[in-house]
Amino acid sequence: SSGINAEYEDELTSLKLATQAAISNAFKTPEVMRLFAKQEPVQLRTLLTQLDRDVVLGKRTVEDSKQDKIEILSALKKLGQISNEEELLLQSSVKLQTVSSNEVVGEHVLSLLQNK
């Protein structure tokens, strides 16, 4: 019986570690990670509101806050707590980010080809 309990404990520990790793890969901001792990959509919304307020007050730029906003909206989406408007905002932000990343990669490849 204790062998089964030890095996169960090992599996549970492995599952916890895998969950933590998945959350860490999905989110870079420790506060968003913590709130997502605790399934706290109200606090995530508060964080989103604070982010918007900081932009209005000039404490952060729109550009600077984009990644955090995407992370928060992604967490809300994964918790099933996202509105249609927020979903559209998230999709357009992620598409823009992907296009921007692809442009950077494309420019790098072009510069490498030109240097040969």
N, C-alpha and C. Protein backbone atom coordinates (compact mmCIF):
# COMPACT_ATOMS: atom_id res chain seq x y z
N SER A 1 0.82 -1.20 0.00
CA SER A 1 0.00 0.00 0.00
C SER A 1 0.86 1.27 0.00
N SER A 2 1.98 1.23 0.76
CA SER A 2 2.83 2.42 0.80
C SER A 2 3.55 2.62 -0.54
N GLY A 3 3.78 1.53 -1.27
CA GLY A 3 4.38 1.62 -2.61
C GLY A 3 3.45 2.34 -3.57
N ILE A 4 2.16 2.06 -3.46
CA ILE A 4 1.16 2.72 -4.31
C ILE A 4 1.08 4.20 -3.94
N ASN A 5 1.10 4.51 -2.65
CA ASN A 5 1.05 5.91 -2.21
C ASN A 5 2.27 6.68 -2.70
N ALA A 6 3.44 6.06 -2.63
CA ALA A 6 4.67 6.72 -3.09
C ALA A 6 4.60 6.96 -4.59
N GLU A 7 4.07 5.96 -5.32
CA GLU A 7 3.93 6.11 -6.77
C GLU A 7 2.95 7.24 -7.09
N TYR A 8 1.86 7.30 -6.34
CA TYR A 8 0.85 8.35 -6.51
C TYR A 8 1.47 9.72 -6.22
N GLU A 9 2.25 9.79 -5.14
CA GLU A 9 2.93 11.04 -4.76
C GLU A 9 3.88 11.50 -5.87
N ASP A 10 4.63 10.56 -6.45
CA ASP A 10 5.56 10.88 -7.54
C ASP A 10 4.81 11.42 -8.76
N GLU A 11 3.69 10.78 -9.09
CA GLU A 11 2.90 11.24 -10.23
C GLU A 11 2.32 12.62 -9.97
N LEU A 12 1.85 12.84 -8.76
CA LEU A 12 1.28 14.13 -8.39
C LEU A 12 2.34 15.23 -8.44
N THR A 13 3.52 14.94 -7.95
CA THR A 13 4.63 15.89 -8.00
C THR A 13 5.01 16.20 -9.45
N SER A 14 5.08 15.17 -10.27
CA SER A 14 5.40 15.37 -11.69
C SER A 14 4.34 16.24 -12.37
N LEU A 15 3.09 15.99 -12.05
CA LEU A 15 1.99 16.77 -12.63
C LEU A 15 2.09 18.23 -12.20
N LYS A 16 2.38 18.47 -10.93
CA LYS A 16 2.53 19.85 -10.43
C LYS A 16 3.68 20.56 -11.14
N LEU A 17 4.81 19.88 -11.29
CA LEU A 17 5.97 20.47 -11.96
C LEU A 17 5.67 20.77 -13.43
N ALA A 18 4.97 19.86 -14.09
CA ALA A 18 4.61 20.07 -15.50
C ALA A 18 3.65 21.26 -15.63
N THR A 19 2.71 21.37 -14.70
CA THR A 19 1.77 22.49 -14.71
C THR A 19 2.50 23.81 -14.50
N GLN A 20 3.41 23.84 -13.54
CA GLN A 20 4.19 25.06 -13.28
C GLN A 20 5.02 25.44 -14.50
N ALA A 21 5.61 24.47 -15.16
CA ALA A 21 6.43 24.74 -16.34
C ALA A 21 5.56 25.29 -17.47
N ALA A 22 4.38 24.71 -17.65
CA ALA A 22 3.48 25.19 -18.71
C ALA A 22 3.04 26.62 -18.44
N ILE A 23 2.72 26.94 -17.20
CA ILE A 23 2.32 28.30 -16.84
C ILE A 23 3.48 29.26 -17.04
N SER A 24 4.67 28.85 -16.64
CA SER A 24 5.85 29.70 -16.81
C SER A 24 6.13 30.00 -18.28
N ASN A 25 5.92 29.01 -19.14
CA ASN A 25 6.15 29.22 -20.57
C ASN A 25 5.08 30.11 -21.19
N ALA A 26 3.87 30.04 -20.66
CA ALA A 26 2.76 30.82 -21.22
C ALA A 26 2.82 32.28 -20.80
N PHE A 27 3.29 32.54 -19.58
CA PHE A 27 3.28 33.89 -19.05
C PHE A 27 4.65 34.28 -18.54
N LYS A 28 5.06 35.51 -18.84
CA LYS A 28 6.37 36.00 -18.41
C LYS A 28 6.27 36.85 -17.14
N THR A 29 5.10 37.45 -16.92
CA THR A 29 4.91 38.33 -15.77
C THR A 29 4.53 37.49 -14.55
N PRO A 30 5.34 37.55 -13.48
CA PRO A 30 5.07 36.72 -12.29
C PRO A 30 3.67 36.93 -11.72
N GLU A 31 3.20 38.17 -11.70
CA GLU A 31 1.87 38.43 -11.14
C GLU A 31 0.77 37.77 -11.97
N VAL A 32 0.90 37.82 -13.29
CA VAL A 32 -0.09 37.17 -14.16
C VAL A 32 -0.03 35.66 -13.96
N MET A 33 1.18 35.10 -13.85
CA MET A 33 1.34 33.66 -13.59
C MET A 33 0.61 33.26 -12.32
N ARG A 34 0.84 34.02 -11.28
CA ARG A 34 0.27 33.71 -9.96
C ARG A 34 -1.25 33.78 -10.01
N LEU A 35 -1.80 34.85 -10.60
CA LEU A 35 -3.25 35.02 -10.67
C LEU A 35 -3.90 33.97 -11.56
N PHE A 36 -3.23 33.59 -12.64
CA PHE A 36 -3.76 32.53 -13.51
C PHE A 36 -3.78 31.20 -12.76
N ALA A 37 -2.68 30.89 -12.09
CA ALA A 37 -2.58 29.62 -11.36
C ALA A 37 -3.65 29.53 -10.27
N LYS A 38 -3.96 30.66 -9.65
CA LYS A 38 -4.98 30.68 -8.59
C LYS A 38 -6.39 30.85 -9.16
N GLN A 39 -6.48 30.97 -10.49
CA GLN A 39 -7.75 31.18 -11.19
C GLN A 39 -8.50 32.38 -10.60
N GLU A 40 -7.86 33.55 -10.72
CA GLU A 40 -8.38 34.79 -10.16
C GLU A 40 -8.72 35.79 -11.27
N PRO A 41 -9.82 35.58 -12.02
CA PRO A 41 -10.14 36.49 -13.12
C PRO A 41 -10.44 37.93 -12.66
N VAL A 42 -11.01 38.09 -11.48
CA VAL A 42 -11.32 39.45 -10.98
C VAL A 42 -10.03 40.24 -10.77
N GLN A 43 -9.02 39.60 -10.18
CA GLN A 43 -7.74 40.27 -9.95
C GLN A 43 -7.01 40.52 -11.28
N LEU A 44 -7.16 39.61 -12.25
CA LEU A 44 -6.56 39.84 -13.56
C LEU A 44 -7.21 41.05 -14.22
N ARG A 45 -8.52 41.19 -14.07
CA ARG A 45 -9.22 42.36 -14.62
C ARG A 45 -8.75 43.64 -13.93
N THR A 46 -8.52 43.56 -12.63
CA THR A 46 -8.01 44.72 -11.89
C THR A 46 -6.64 45.11 -12.43
N LEU A 47 -5.81 44.13 -12.69
CA LEU A 47 -4.48 44.36 -13.25
C LEU A 47 -4.58 45.02 -14.62
N LEU A 48 -5.53 44.57 -15.43
CA LEU A 48 -5.77 45.14 -16.75
C LEU A 48 -6.20 46.60 -16.64
N THR A 49 -7.07 46.89 -15.70
CA THR A 49 -7.54 48.27 -15.46
C THR A 49 -6.38 49.15 -15.00
N GLN A 50 -5.53 48.63 -14.11
CA GLN A 50 -4.38 49.38 -13.63
C GLN A 50 -3.41 49.68 -14.77
N LEU A 51 -3.26 48.73 -15.66
CA LEU A 51 -2.38 48.89 -16.81
C LEU A 51 -2.88 50.03 -17.70
N ASP A 52 -4.18 50.02 -17.99
CA ASP A 52 -4.78 51.09 -18.80
C ASP A 52 -4.65 52.44 -18.09
N ARG A 53 -4.85 52.45 -16.78
CA ARG A 53 -4.73 53.69 -16.01
C ARG A 53 -3.31 54.24 -16.06
N ASP A 54 -2.33 53.35 -15.93
CA ASP A 54 -0.92 53.77 -15.98
C ASP A 54 -0.57 54.40 -17.33
N VAL A 55 -1.18 53.88 -18.40
CA VAL A 55 -0.95 54.46 -19.73
C VAL A 55 -1.55 55.86 -19.79
N VAL A 56 -2.78 56.00 -19.29
CA VAL A 56 -3.46 57.31 -19.30
C VAL A 56 -2.68 58.33 -18.46
N LEU A 57 -2.13 57.89 -17.33
CA LEU A 57 -1.38 58.78 -16.45
C LEU A 57 0.05 59.04 -16.93
N GLY A 58 0.45 58.35 -18.00
CA GLY A 58 1.78 58.56 -18.54
C GLY A 58 2.88 57.79 -17.82
N LYS A 59 2.49 56.87 -16.93
CA LYS A 59 3.48 56.06 -16.21
C LYS A 59 4.08 54.99 -17.12
N ARG A 60 3.31 54.58 -18.15
CA ARG A 60 3.77 53.59 -19.11
C ARG A 60 3.30 54.02 -20.50
N THR A 61 4.04 53.60 -21.51
CA THR A 61 3.62 53.90 -22.87
C THR A 61 2.69 52.78 -23.36
N VAL A 62 1.93 53.08 -24.40
CA VAL A 62 1.05 52.06 -24.98
C VAL A 62 1.91 50.89 -25.46
N GLU A 63 3.02 51.20 -26.12
CA GLU A 63 3.93 50.17 -26.63
C GLU A 63 4.45 49.29 -25.49
N ASP A 64 4.83 49.95 -24.39
CA ASP A 64 5.40 49.25 -23.24
C ASP A 64 4.39 48.31 -22.58
N SER A 65 3.12 48.67 -22.64
CA SER A 65 2.10 47.89 -21.95
C SER A 65 1.48 46.79 -22.80
N LYS A 66 1.79 46.77 -24.09
CA LYS A 66 1.16 45.80 -25.00
C LYS A 66 1.36 44.35 -24.58
N GLN A 67 2.60 43.96 -24.32
CA GLN A 67 2.88 42.57 -23.98
C GLN A 67 2.15 42.14 -22.71
N ASP A 68 2.15 43.02 -21.70
CA ASP A 68 1.46 42.69 -20.46
C ASP A 68 -0.04 42.53 -20.70
N LYS A 69 -0.58 43.41 -21.53
CA LYS A 69 -2.01 43.35 -21.84
C LYS A 69 -2.35 42.04 -22.57
N ILE A 70 -1.49 41.64 -23.50
CA ILE A 70 -1.70 40.38 -24.22
C ILE A 70 -1.66 39.21 -23.24
N GLU A 71 -0.72 39.23 -22.31
CA GLU A 71 -0.62 38.15 -21.31
C GLU A 71 -1.87 38.07 -20.45
N ILE A 72 -2.35 39.23 -19.99
CA ILE A 72 -3.54 39.25 -19.13
C ILE A 72 -4.76 38.76 -19.91
N LEU A 73 -4.93 39.25 -21.13
CA LEU A 73 -6.07 38.82 -21.94
C LEU A 73 -5.97 37.32 -22.27
N SER A 74 -4.76 36.83 -22.50
CA SER A 74 -4.57 35.39 -22.75
C SER A 74 -4.97 34.57 -21.52
N ALA A 75 -4.57 35.05 -20.35
CA ALA A 75 -4.93 34.35 -19.11
C ALA A 75 -6.44 34.34 -18.92
N LEU A 76 -7.08 35.48 -19.16
CA LEU A 76 -8.54 35.55 -19.04
C LEU A 76 -9.21 34.61 -20.04
N LYS A 77 -8.66 34.54 -21.24
CA LYS A 77 -9.22 33.64 -22.26
C LYS A 77 -9.11 32.19 -21.81
N LYS A 78 -7.95 31.82 -21.29
CA LYS A 78 -7.75 30.44 -20.84
C LYS A 78 -8.64 30.09 -19.65
N LEU A 79 -9.04 31.12 -18.91
CA LEU A 79 -9.96 30.90 -17.78
C LEU A 79 -11.42 30.99 -18.23
N GLY A 80 -11.64 31.25 -19.53
CA GLY A 80 -13.00 31.36 -20.05
C GLY A 80 -13.71 32.63 -19.60
N GLN A 81 -12.94 33.69 -19.34
CA GLN A 81 -13.48 34.94 -18.80
C GLN A 81 -13.21 36.12 -19.71
N ILE A 82 -13.32 35.94 -21.01
CA ILE A 82 -12.98 37.01 -21.94
C ILE A 82 -14.22 37.40 -22.75
N SER A 83 -14.41 38.70 -22.96
CA SER A 83 -15.54 39.18 -23.75
C SER A 83 -15.21 39.09 -25.24
N ASN A 84 -16.23 39.21 -26.08
CA ASN A 84 -16.01 39.17 -27.54
C ASN A 84 -15.08 40.30 -27.97
N GLU A 85 -15.28 41.49 -27.40
CA GLU A 85 -14.44 42.65 -27.74
C GLU A 85 -12.98 42.40 -27.36
N GLU A 86 -12.77 41.84 -26.17
CA GLU A 86 -11.41 41.53 -25.72
C GLU A 86 -10.78 40.44 -26.58
N GLU A 87 -11.59 39.48 -27.00
CA GLU A 87 -11.11 38.40 -27.87
C GLU A 87 -10.60 38.97 -29.18
N LEU A 88 -11.35 39.90 -29.76
CA LEU A 88 -10.93 40.54 -31.01
C LEU A 88 -9.65 41.34 -30.81
N LEU A 89 -9.57 42.06 -29.69
CA LEU A 89 -8.37 42.83 -29.38
C LEU A 89 -7.16 41.90 -29.25
N LEU A 90 -7.35 40.79 -28.56
CA LEU A 90 -6.27 39.83 -28.37
C LEU A 90 -5.82 39.25 -29.72
N GLN A 91 -6.77 38.85 -30.54
CA GLN A 91 -6.44 38.27 -31.86
C GLN A 91 -5.68 39.28 -32.72
N SER A 92 -6.13 40.53 -32.75
CA SER A 92 -5.45 41.52 -33.58
C SER A 92 -4.06 41.83 -33.03
N SER A 93 -3.91 41.86 -31.72
CA SER A 93 -2.60 42.12 -31.10
C SER A 93 -1.62 41.01 -31.42
N VAL A 94 -2.08 39.77 -31.32
CA VAL A 94 -1.22 38.62 -31.58
C VAL A 94 -0.83 38.58 -33.06
N LYS A 95 -1.78 38.89 -33.96
CA LYS A 95 -1.47 38.92 -35.40
C LYS A 95 -0.43 39.99 -35.69
N LEU A 96 -0.59 41.17 -35.09
CA LEU A 96 0.38 42.25 -35.30
C LEU A 96 1.75 41.85 -34.79
N GLN A 97 1.78 41.20 -33.64
CA GLN A 97 3.04 40.76 -33.05
C GLN A 97 3.72 39.72 -33.96
N THR A 98 2.93 38.81 -34.51
CA THR A 98 3.46 37.78 -35.40
C THR A 98 4.01 38.41 -36.67
N VAL A 99 3.26 39.35 -37.25
CA VAL A 99 3.72 40.03 -38.47
C VAL A 99 5.02 40.76 -38.17
N SER A 100 5.08 41.45 -37.04
CA SER A 100 6.28 42.19 -36.66
C SER A 100 7.47 41.24 -36.50
N SER A 101 7.26 40.11 -35.84
CA SER A 101 8.33 39.12 -35.66
C SER A 101 8.78 38.57 -36.99
N ASN A 102 7.82 38.28 -37.88
CA ASN A 102 8.17 37.75 -39.20
C ASN A 102 8.95 38.77 -40.01
N GLU A 103 8.61 40.05 -39.88
CA GLU A 103 9.34 41.10 -40.60
C GLU A 103 10.79 41.15 -40.12
N VAL A 104 10.99 41.05 -38.82
CA VAL A 104 12.34 41.09 -38.26
C VAL A 104 13.14 39.90 -38.76
N VAL A 105 12.53 38.72 -38.74
CA VAL A 105 13.21 37.51 -39.22
C VAL A 105 13.52 37.66 -40.71
N GLY A 106 12.54 38.15 -41.47
CA GLY A 106 12.74 38.35 -42.91
C GLY A 106 13.87 39.31 -43.20
N GLU A 107 13.92 40.41 -42.45
CA GLU A 107 15.00 41.39 -42.64
C GLU A 107 16.35 40.77 -42.31
N HIS A 108 16.40 39.96 -41.28
CA HIS A 108 17.65 39.31 -40.87
C HIS A 108 18.12 38.34 -41.96
N VAL A 109 17.18 37.55 -42.49
CA VAL A 109 17.52 36.60 -43.56
C VAL A 109 18.03 37.35 -44.78
N LEU A 110 17.35 38.44 -45.13
CA LEU A 110 17.79 39.25 -46.28
C LEU A 110 19.19 39.79 -46.08
N SER A 111 19.47 40.29 -44.88
CA SER A 111 20.80 40.85 -44.62
C SER A 111 21.87 39.76 -44.69
N LEU A 112 21.53 38.55 -44.23
CA LEU A 112 22.48 37.44 -44.30
C LEU A 112 22.76 37.06 -45.75
N LEU A 113 21.69 37.06 -46.58
CA LEU A 113 21.86 36.71 -47.99
C LEU A 113 22.67 37.77 -48.72
N GLN A 114 22.45 39.03 -48.36
CA GLN A 114 23.17 40.11 -49.03
C GLN A 114 24.65 40.12 -48.66
N ASN A 115 24.98 39.65 -47.48
CA ASN A 115 26.37 39.65 -47.02
C ASN A 115 27.17 38.50 -47.62
N LYS A 116 26.53 37.58 -48.29
CA LYS A 116 27.27 36.44 -48.88
C LYS A 116 27.86 36.78 -50.20
